[in-house]
């Protein structure tokens, strides 16, 4: 039996699509028409433009990401955690003939209110590749997810990536800086500073003072700040960790930074590519539906 389907990662700024026939990827397409860049066009119109001759009524389409948000095609309801990983593929939202959106996840209780939209698909794939009890998913908003067996039990979000961007681009820390350079030593120094205490707020202005006073090269501020924020994140989330190895789900650059942070505190971690995790997760959903 020939199985043909399209899987799509449709976020805020970009759309990525892949066409599969059985286990073979026949092609991929990319567009900058994320859900915040539709310019008045409907998602269905944009989808037709991007997919072109790939799309026919018999081809299954499974989409994940912000396309299922309140600024997307249609809101795919959040599944409340705790929930089984298998429930994600059982609660897809139909939006048109043969077109489905993957739901997000939510936690809502007195000490934790959180949502995931998009990373749930990566989580499915990462768990299939590297079963673990804790997944760290770095990005603009880093997700820390606890899993017991095949059940998602809890997750939290740390805005490390967004803070790094905002502080460099829109605060005194980054005002007047030259082009930033990679520097492993500056990143490591930032990590150590971040690990020293979870009280991050008093340390932030020190980053500016350090380069103003000449203690930190001005071209290495980004690296030091990255280490400071990630070190503080890992320290503040240490209670979230178990004795088992951590699985980091990210691209090469971010996974290296977080793996170094975990190494510094003596914690073992493994890495699963974010792209591979997404493909594995969403293809498992499409395969199940197509068959």
Protein backbone atom coordinates (compact mmCIF):
# COMPACT_ATOMS: atom_id res chain seq x y z
CA UNK A 1 0.00 0.00 0.00
CA UNK A 2 1.34 3.44 -0.96
CA UNK A 3 1.01 6.08 1.74
CA UNK A 4 1.38 9.72 0.74
CA UNK A 5 1.12 12.63 3.16
CA UNK A 6 2.38 16.15 3.92
CA UNK A 7 3.65 17.27 7.33
CA UNK A 8 3.97 20.95 8.22
CA UNK A 9 5.68 22.99 10.92
CA UNK A 10 3.79 26.30 10.77
CA UNK A 11 5.06 28.81 13.30
CA UNK A 12 4.77 32.54 13.89
CA UNK A 13 7.31 33.60 11.26
CA UNK A 14 7.89 30.60 8.96
CA UNK A 15 6.23 27.60 7.36
CA UNK A 16 8.11 24.40 6.55
CA UNK A 17 6.49 21.53 4.67
CA UNK A 18 7.65 18.03 3.70
CA UNK A 19 6.06 15.58 1.27
CA UNK A 20 6.42 11.89 2.11
CA UNK A 21 5.59 8.72 0.25
CA UNK A 22 5.94 5.77 2.59
CA UNK A 23 9.35 6.33 4.26
CA UNK A 24 10.79 8.47 1.47
CA UNK A 25 10.86 12.27 1.63
CA UNK A 26 10.02 13.47 -1.88
CA UNK A 27 10.72 17.12 -1.18
CA UNK A 28 10.50 20.07 1.19
CA UNK A 29 9.26 23.64 0.87
CA UNK A 30 9.86 26.76 2.92
CA UNK A 31 7.93 30.01 3.22
CA UNK A 32 8.25 33.11 5.40
CA UNK A 33 4.44 33.22 5.59
CA UNK A 34 4.20 32.40 9.28
CA UNK A 35 0.87 33.02 10.97
CA UNK A 36 1.92 36.57 11.88
CA UNK A 37 2.92 37.29 8.27
CA UNK A 38 -0.16 36.25 6.31
CA UNK A 39 -0.82 39.87 5.23
CA UNK A 40 -4.58 39.47 5.15
CA UNK A 41 -4.56 36.16 3.28
CA UNK A 42 -6.32 33.13 4.71
CA UNK A 43 -4.18 30.21 5.90
CA UNK A 44 -5.84 27.97 3.32
CA UNK A 45 -4.86 30.35 0.51
CA UNK A 46 -1.26 30.51 1.72
CA UNK A 47 -1.14 26.74 2.09
CA UNK A 48 -2.30 26.27 -1.52
CA UNK A 49 0.39 28.70 -2.73
CA UNK A 50 3.17 26.95 -0.81
CA UNK A 51 2.17 23.37 -1.59
CA UNK A 52 1.26 23.91 -5.23
CA UNK A 53 1.10 20.62 -7.12
CA UNK A 54 1.74 18.59 -3.98
CA UNK A 55 -1.76 19.15 -2.75
CA UNK A 56 -4.74 17.11 -3.86
CA UNK A 57 -7.86 15.96 -2.05
CA UNK A 58 -6.46 12.50 -1.36
CA UNK A 59 -3.27 13.69 0.35
CA UNK A 60 -3.35 13.82 4.14
CA UNK A 61 -1.93 17.02 5.70
CA UNK A 62 -0.89 17.19 9.36
CA UNK A 63 0.21 20.55 10.79
CA UNK A 64 1.73 21.58 14.13
CA UNK A 65 2.73 24.88 15.71
CA UNK A 66 1.17 28.32 15.94
CA UNK A 67 -1.21 27.50 13.09
CA UNK A 68 -3.33 25.97 15.86
CA UNK A 69 -3.28 29.14 18.00
CA UNK A 70 -5.72 32.04 18.24
CA UNK A 71 -3.75 33.82 15.50
CA UNK A 72 -3.68 30.76 13.25
CA UNK A 73 -6.21 28.82 11.19
CA UNK A 74 -8.33 27.57 14.07
CA UNK A 75 -7.64 27.07 17.78
CA UNK A 76 -6.60 23.50 18.51
CA UNK A 77 -7.52 23.11 22.20
CA UNK A 78 -4.79 22.43 24.73
CA UNK A 79 -4.70 18.97 26.27
CA UNK A 80 -4.45 19.29 30.05
CA UNK A 81 -1.39 17.70 31.65
CA UNK A 82 -0.96 15.05 32.98
CA UNK A 83 -1.71 13.23 29.75
CA UNK A 84 -0.31 10.32 27.79
CA UNK A 85 1.85 11.07 24.78
CA UNK A 86 -0.48 8.95 22.67
CA UNK A 87 -3.36 11.31 23.48
CA UNK A 88 -1.74 14.00 21.32
CA UNK A 89 -2.30 12.01 18.13
CA UNK A 90 -5.81 11.05 19.26
CA UNK A 91 -7.01 14.65 19.68
CA UNK A 92 -6.20 16.23 16.31
CA UNK A 93 -8.37 19.12 15.14
CA UNK A 94 -9.84 18.87 11.60
CA UNK A 95 -9.86 22.25 9.80
CA UNK A 96 -10.64 21.21 6.21
CA UNK A 97 -10.94 18.02 4.18
CA UNK A 98 -7.98 15.79 5.08
CA UNK A 99 -6.23 18.63 6.96
CA UNK A 100 -5.54 18.29 10.68
CA UNK A 101 -3.81 20.32 13.40
CA UNK A 102 -1.94 18.85 16.37
CA UNK A 103 -3.19 20.12 19.78
CA UNK A 104 -1.03 21.88 22.33
CA UNK A 105 -0.54 21.07 26.01
CA UNK A 106 -1.43 23.02 29.15
CA UNK A 107 -0.84 23.02 32.88
CA UNK A 108 -3.25 25.01 35.05
CA UNK A 109 -2.93 24.84 38.80
CA UNK A 110 -2.14 27.23 41.63
CA UNK A 111 1.64 27.00 41.37
CA UNK A 112 1.99 26.59 37.61
CA UNK A 113 0.15 27.99 34.59
CA UNK A 114 1.81 27.02 31.32
CA UNK A 115 1.16 26.18 27.68
CA UNK A 116 3.05 24.42 24.90
CA UNK A 117 2.26 24.90 21.22
CA UNK A 118 4.53 23.10 18.76
CA UNK A 119 7.01 21.51 21.15
CA UNK A 120 4.53 18.72 21.93
CA UNK A 121 5.27 17.23 18.50
CA UNK A 122 9.01 17.43 19.11
CA UNK A 123 8.44 15.79 22.49
CA UNK A 124 6.68 12.83 20.89
CA UNK A 125 9.61 12.31 18.54
CA UNK A 126 12.28 12.86 21.18
CA UNK A 127 10.64 10.35 23.50
CA UNK A 128 10.58 7.75 20.73
CA UNK A 129 14.28 8.35 20.00
CA UNK A 130 15.57 8.89 23.55
CA UNK A 131 13.22 7.83 26.38
CA UNK A 132 13.87 10.07 29.38
CA UNK A 133 12.19 11.48 32.47
CA UNK A 134 13.25 15.10 31.83
CA UNK A 135 13.40 16.92 28.48
CA UNK A 136 14.92 20.38 28.13
CA UNK A 137 13.84 22.10 24.92
CA UNK A 138 15.81 25.35 24.49
CA UNK A 139 14.64 28.19 22.29
CA UNK A 140 13.05 31.60 22.66
CA UNK A 141 11.05 30.06 25.48
CA UNK A 142 12.82 27.03 26.94
CA UNK A 143 10.51 24.18 27.94
CA UNK A 144 11.36 21.83 30.82
CA UNK A 145 9.16 18.73 30.58
CA UNK A 146 8.74 15.85 32.99
CA UNK A 147 7.69 12.46 31.63
CA UNK A 148 6.94 9.27 33.55
CA UNK A 149 6.76 6.26 31.27
CA UNK A 150 4.68 7.53 28.37
CA UNK A 151 2.84 10.13 30.43
CA UNK A 152 3.63 13.85 30.43
CA UNK A 153 3.30 14.84 34.07
CA UNK A 154 4.35 18.50 34.16
CA UNK A 155 6.24 21.24 32.33
CA UNK A 156 7.51 24.76 32.86
CA UNK A 157 8.71 27.55 30.61
CA UNK A 158 11.78 29.73 31.08
CA UNK A 159 12.04 32.82 28.82
CA UNK A 160 15.83 32.66 28.54
CA UNK A 161 16.13 33.16 24.79
CA UNK A 162 13.71 36.07 24.70
CA UNK A 163 15.40 37.74 27.68
CA UNK A 164 18.78 37.47 25.96
CA UNK A 165 17.38 39.16 22.84
CA UNK A 166 15.50 41.89 24.72
CA UNK A 167 18.41 42.75 27.00
CA UNK A 168 20.86 43.02 24.11
CA UNK A 169 18.56 44.87 21.75
CA UNK A 170 16.37 47.01 23.99
CA UNK A 171 18.22 47.69 27.23
CA UNK A 172 21.31 49.54 28.44
CA UNK A 173 23.20 46.24 28.53
CA UNK A 174 23.44 46.20 24.75
CA UNK A 175 23.46 49.95 24.05
CA UNK A 176 26.30 51.01 21.78
CA UNK A 177 27.98 47.62 21.57
CA UNK A 178 30.06 46.60 18.53
CA UNK A 179 29.32 43.46 16.50
CA UNK A 180 29.40 40.49 18.86
CA UNK A 181 31.92 37.66 18.56
CA UNK A 182 31.84 34.03 19.63
CA UNK A 183 33.94 33.42 22.73
CA UNK A 184 33.86 30.14 24.64
CA UNK A 185 35.73 31.67 27.58
CA UNK A 186 33.18 34.48 27.98
CA UNK A 187 30.30 32.00 27.84
CA UNK A 188 31.94 29.79 30.48
CA UNK A 189 32.57 32.81 32.73
CA UNK A 190 28.91 33.76 32.38
CA UNK A 191 27.84 30.22 33.27
CA UNK A 192 29.92 30.26 36.43
CA UNK A 193 28.46 33.65 37.38
CA UNK A 194 24.95 32.33 36.76
CA UNK A 195 25.57 29.23 38.86
CA UNK A 196 26.76 31.27 41.85
CA UNK A 197 23.26 32.29 42.98
CA UNK A 198 19.71 32.08 41.58
CA UNK A 199 19.20 35.81 42.23
CA UNK A 200 19.57 36.91 38.59
CA UNK A 201 18.15 40.45 38.80
CA UNK A 202 21.05 42.09 40.66
CA UNK A 203 23.51 40.50 38.23
CA UNK A 204 22.02 41.93 35.06
CA UNK A 205 23.27 45.49 35.44
CA UNK A 206 26.70 44.10 36.33
CA UNK A 207 26.95 42.92 32.72
CA UNK A 208 26.80 46.53 31.53
CA UNK A 209 29.07 47.76 34.31
CA UNK A 210 31.62 45.05 33.49
CA UNK A 211 32.08 46.17 29.89
CA UNK A 212 31.87 49.88 30.78
CA UNK A 213 34.68 49.41 33.32
CA UNK A 214 36.74 47.27 30.96
CA UNK A 215 36.42 43.99 32.87
CA UNK A 216 34.51 42.38 29.98
CA UNK A 217 35.42 42.91 26.30
CA UNK A 218 32.55 44.75 24.64
CA UNK A 219 32.44 42.27 21.75
CA UNK A 220 31.89 39.36 24.19
CA UNK A 221 28.87 40.73 26.05
CA UNK A 222 26.41 38.48 24.19
CA UNK A 223 28.38 35.36 25.09
CA UNK A 224 28.74 36.31 28.76
CA UNK A 225 25.05 37.22 29.01
CA UNK A 226 24.08 33.92 27.37
CA UNK A 227 26.11 32.00 29.93
CA UNK A 228 24.73 34.07 32.80
CA UNK A 229 21.12 33.48 31.78
CA UNK A 230 21.52 29.76 31.02
CA UNK A 231 23.48 29.17 34.22
CA UNK A 232 20.81 30.92 36.25
CA UNK A 233 18.09 28.95 34.43
CA UNK A 234 19.71 25.59 35.12
CA UNK A 235 20.32 26.51 38.76
CA UNK A 236 16.76 27.75 39.30
CA UNK A 237 15.33 24.58 37.68
CA UNK A 238 17.59 22.13 39.52
CA UNK A 239 14.68 20.84 41.62
CA UNK A 240 13.07 19.75 38.36
CA UNK A 241 15.84 17.26 37.62
CA UNK A 242 15.90 13.59 38.54
CA UNK A 243 18.82 11.20 38.92
CA UNK A 244 18.36 10.04 35.33
CA UNK A 245 20.14 11.65 32.34
CA UNK A 246 18.53 14.69 30.75
CA UNK A 247 17.56 14.78 27.08
CA UNK A 248 18.15 18.12 25.34
CA UNK A 249 16.03 18.73 22.24
CA UNK A 250 17.51 21.52 20.10
CA UNK A 251 19.80 22.47 17.24
CA UNK A 252 23.57 22.20 17.50
CA UNK A 253 24.32 25.65 18.91
CA UNK A 254 21.79 25.67 21.74
CA UNK A 255 22.22 22.00 22.60
CA UNK A 256 25.98 22.54 22.99
CA UNK A 257 25.39 25.48 25.36
CA UNK A 258 22.96 23.56 27.56
CA UNK A 259 25.02 20.38 27.53
CA UNK A 260 28.03 22.39 28.71
CA UNK A 261 25.88 23.87 31.49
CA UNK A 262 24.79 20.42 32.65
CA UNK A 263 28.36 19.13 32.45
CA UNK A 264 29.48 21.98 34.72
CA UNK A 265 27.14 20.76 37.47
CA UNK A 266 27.99 17.11 36.92
CA UNK A 267 24.76 16.08 35.20
CA UNK A 268 24.69 13.69 32.25
CA UNK A 269 22.70 14.67 29.19
CA UNK A 270 22.06 13.47 25.66
CA UNK A 271 20.98 15.46 22.63
CA UNK A 272 18.23 14.91 20.07
CA UNK A 273 18.10 17.26 17.09
CA UNK A 274 14.99 19.43 17.26
CA UNK A 275 14.34 18.95 13.55
CA UNK A 276 14.73 15.17 13.78
CA UNK A 277 12.47 15.08 16.84
CA UNK A 278 9.78 17.10 15.03
CA UNK A 279 9.93 14.91 11.92
CA UNK A 280 9.78 11.73 13.97
CA UNK A 281 6.87 12.98 16.04
CA UNK A 282 4.66 14.37 13.30
CA UNK A 283 5.39 11.47 10.94
CA UNK A 284 4.30 9.01 13.63
CA UNK A 285 0.96 10.86 13.71
CA UNK A 286 0.60 10.96 9.92
CA UNK A 287 1.61 7.31 9.55
CA UNK A 288 -1.02 6.24 12.07
CA UNK A 289 -3.72 8.27 10.33
CA UNK A 290 -2.77 7.18 6.82
CA UNK A 291 -2.79 3.52 7.75
